[in-house]
């Protein structure tokens, strides 16, 4: 099941008197020479390993949404 958490947070911010100014994507990656390499957190990797051990398909998150809100 997909939950649009950034969308829900944007709506909550708007109901609280803010305006969504920007919605950006922050890649969880680094650079090694000219190559982008994944930089998943230990927690994310551990959760995926545990799920896969129980035969539950999971992927490691590759990005985070960054919401910028400003006052009206």
C-alpha atoms as a PDB file:
ATOM      1  CA  UNK A   1       0.000   0.000   0.000  1.00  0.00           C
ATOM      2  CA  UNK A   2       1.335   3.397  -1.011  1.00  0.00           C
ATOM      3  CA  UNK A   3       0.930   6.339   1.367  1.00  0.00           C
ATOM      4  CA  UNK A   4       1.679   9.833   0.064  1.00  0.00           C
ATOM      5  CA  UNK A   5       3.245  11.099   3.289  1.00  0.00           C
ATOM      6  CA  UNK A   6       4.763  14.271   1.754  1.00  0.00           C
ATOM      7  CA  UNK A   7       1.379  15.160   0.248  1.00  0.00           C
ATOM      8  CA  UNK A   8      -0.349  14.602   3.586  1.00  0.00           C
ATOM      9  CA  UNK A   9       2.256  16.760   5.351  1.00  0.00           C
ATOM     10  CA  UNK A  10       1.829  19.532   2.756  1.00  0.00           C
ATOM     11  CA  UNK A  11      -1.957  19.512   3.290  1.00  0.00           C
ATOM     12  CA  UNK A  12      -1.475  19.578   7.064  1.00  0.00           C
ATOM     13  CA  UNK A  13       0.893  22.524   6.734  1.00  0.00           C
ATOM     14  CA  UNK A  14      -1.627  24.386   4.591  1.00  0.00           C
ATOM     15  CA  UNK A  15      -4.397  23.742   7.126  1.00  0.00           C
ATOM     16  CA  UNK A  16      -2.027  25.108   9.799  1.00  0.00           C
ATOM     17  CA  UNK A  17      -1.524  28.415   8.000  1.00  0.00           C
ATOM     18  CA  UNK A  18       1.482  27.693   5.794  1.00  0.00           C
ATOM     19  CA  UNK A  19       1.926  27.622   2.030  1.00  0.00           C
ATOM     20  CA  UNK A  20       3.903  24.940   0.219  1.00  0.00           C
ATOM     21  CA  UNK A  21       6.782  26.879  -1.324  1.00  0.00           C
ATOM     22  CA  UNK A  22       8.867  24.009  -2.750  1.00  0.00           C
ATOM     23  CA  UNK A  23       8.823  20.228  -2.910  1.00  0.00           C
ATOM     24  CA  UNK A  24      12.282  18.842  -3.632  1.00  0.00           C
ATOM     25  CA  UNK A  25      13.921  15.445  -3.837  1.00  0.00           C
ATOM     26  CA  UNK A  26      17.084  14.757  -1.865  1.00  0.00           C
ATOM     27  CA  UNK A  27      18.962  11.725  -3.184  1.00  0.00           C
ATOM     28  CA  UNK A  28      20.460   9.458  -0.551  1.00  0.00           C
ATOM     29  CA  UNK A  29      23.679   9.080  -2.481  1.00  0.00           C
ATOM     30  CA  UNK A  30      27.250  10.204  -2.661  1.00  0.00           C
ATOM     31  CA  UNK A  31      29.851  10.652  -5.345  1.00  0.00           C
ATOM     32  CA  UNK A  32      32.833   8.391  -5.836  1.00  0.00           C
ATOM     33  CA  UNK A  33      34.934   9.856  -8.631  1.00  0.00           C
ATOM     34  CA  UNK A  34      32.316  10.375 -11.387  1.00  0.00           C
ATOM     35  CA  UNK A  35      29.889   7.744 -10.109  1.00  0.00           C
ATOM     36  CA  UNK A  36      26.807   8.156  -7.942  1.00  0.00           C
ATOM     37  CA  UNK A  37      26.807   5.536  -5.173  1.00  0.00           C
ATOM     38  CA  UNK A  38      23.886   4.727  -2.856  1.00  0.00           C
ATOM     39  CA  UNK A  39      24.108   5.839   0.773  1.00  0.00           C
ATOM     40  CA  UNK A  40      21.282   4.083   2.563  1.00  0.00           C
ATOM     41  CA  UNK A  41      21.146   4.305   6.337  1.00  0.00           C
ATOM     42  CA  UNK A  42      21.959   1.312   8.522  1.00  0.00           C
ATOM     43  CA  UNK A  43      18.347   1.319   9.770  1.00  0.00           C
ATOM     44  CA  UNK A  44      16.930   1.211   6.226  1.00  0.00           C
ATOM     45  CA  UNK A  45      19.251  -1.608   5.186  1.00  0.00           C
ATOM     46  CA  UNK A  46      18.469  -3.598   8.337  1.00  0.00           C
ATOM     47  CA  UNK A  47      14.702  -3.268   7.829  1.00  0.00           C
ATOM     48  CA  UNK A  48      14.966  -4.465   4.218  1.00  0.00           C
ATOM     49  CA  UNK A  49      17.143  -7.419   5.232  1.00  0.00           C
ATOM     50  CA  UNK A  50      14.659  -8.475   7.933  1.00  0.00           C
ATOM     51  CA  UNK A  51      11.700  -8.176   5.553  1.00  0.00           C
ATOM     52  CA  UNK A  52      13.426 -10.170   2.833  1.00  0.00           C
ATOM     53  CA  UNK A  53      14.358 -12.865   5.364  1.00  0.00           C
ATOM     54  CA  UNK A  54      10.581 -13.235   5.953  1.00  0.00           C
ATOM     55  CA  UNK A  55      10.011 -13.394   2.159  1.00  0.00           C
ATOM     56  CA  UNK A  56       8.506  -9.884   2.086  1.00  0.00           C
ATOM     57  CA  UNK A  57       9.810  -7.973  -0.942  1.00  0.00           C
ATOM     58  CA  UNK A  58      11.214  -4.561   0.009  1.00  0.00           C
ATOM     59  CA  UNK A  59      13.473  -1.959  -1.577  1.00  0.00           C
ATOM     60  CA  UNK A  60      15.832   0.438   0.150  1.00  0.00           C
ATOM     61  CA  UNK A  61      14.745   4.070  -0.039  1.00  0.00           C
ATOM     62  CA  UNK A  62      16.861   6.034  -2.522  1.00  0.00           C
ATOM     63  CA  UNK A  63      15.516   9.524  -1.799  1.00  0.00           C
ATOM     64  CA  UNK A  64      13.725  11.711   0.710  1.00  0.00           C
ATOM     65  CA  UNK A  65      11.161  14.387  -0.031  1.00  0.00           C
ATOM     66  CA  UNK A  66      12.065  17.847   1.231  1.00  0.00           C
ATOM     67  CA  UNK A  67       9.098  20.167   1.779  1.00  0.00           C
ATOM     68  CA  UNK A  68       9.676  23.898   2.165  1.00  0.00           C
ATOM     69  CA  UNK A  69       6.722  25.698   3.743  1.00  0.00           C
ATOM     70  CA  UNK A  70       6.387  29.397   4.462  1.00  0.00           C
ATOM     71  CA  UNK A  71       3.922  31.457   6.448  1.00  0.00           C
ATOM     72  CA  UNK A  72       0.989  32.976   4.553  1.00  0.00           C
END
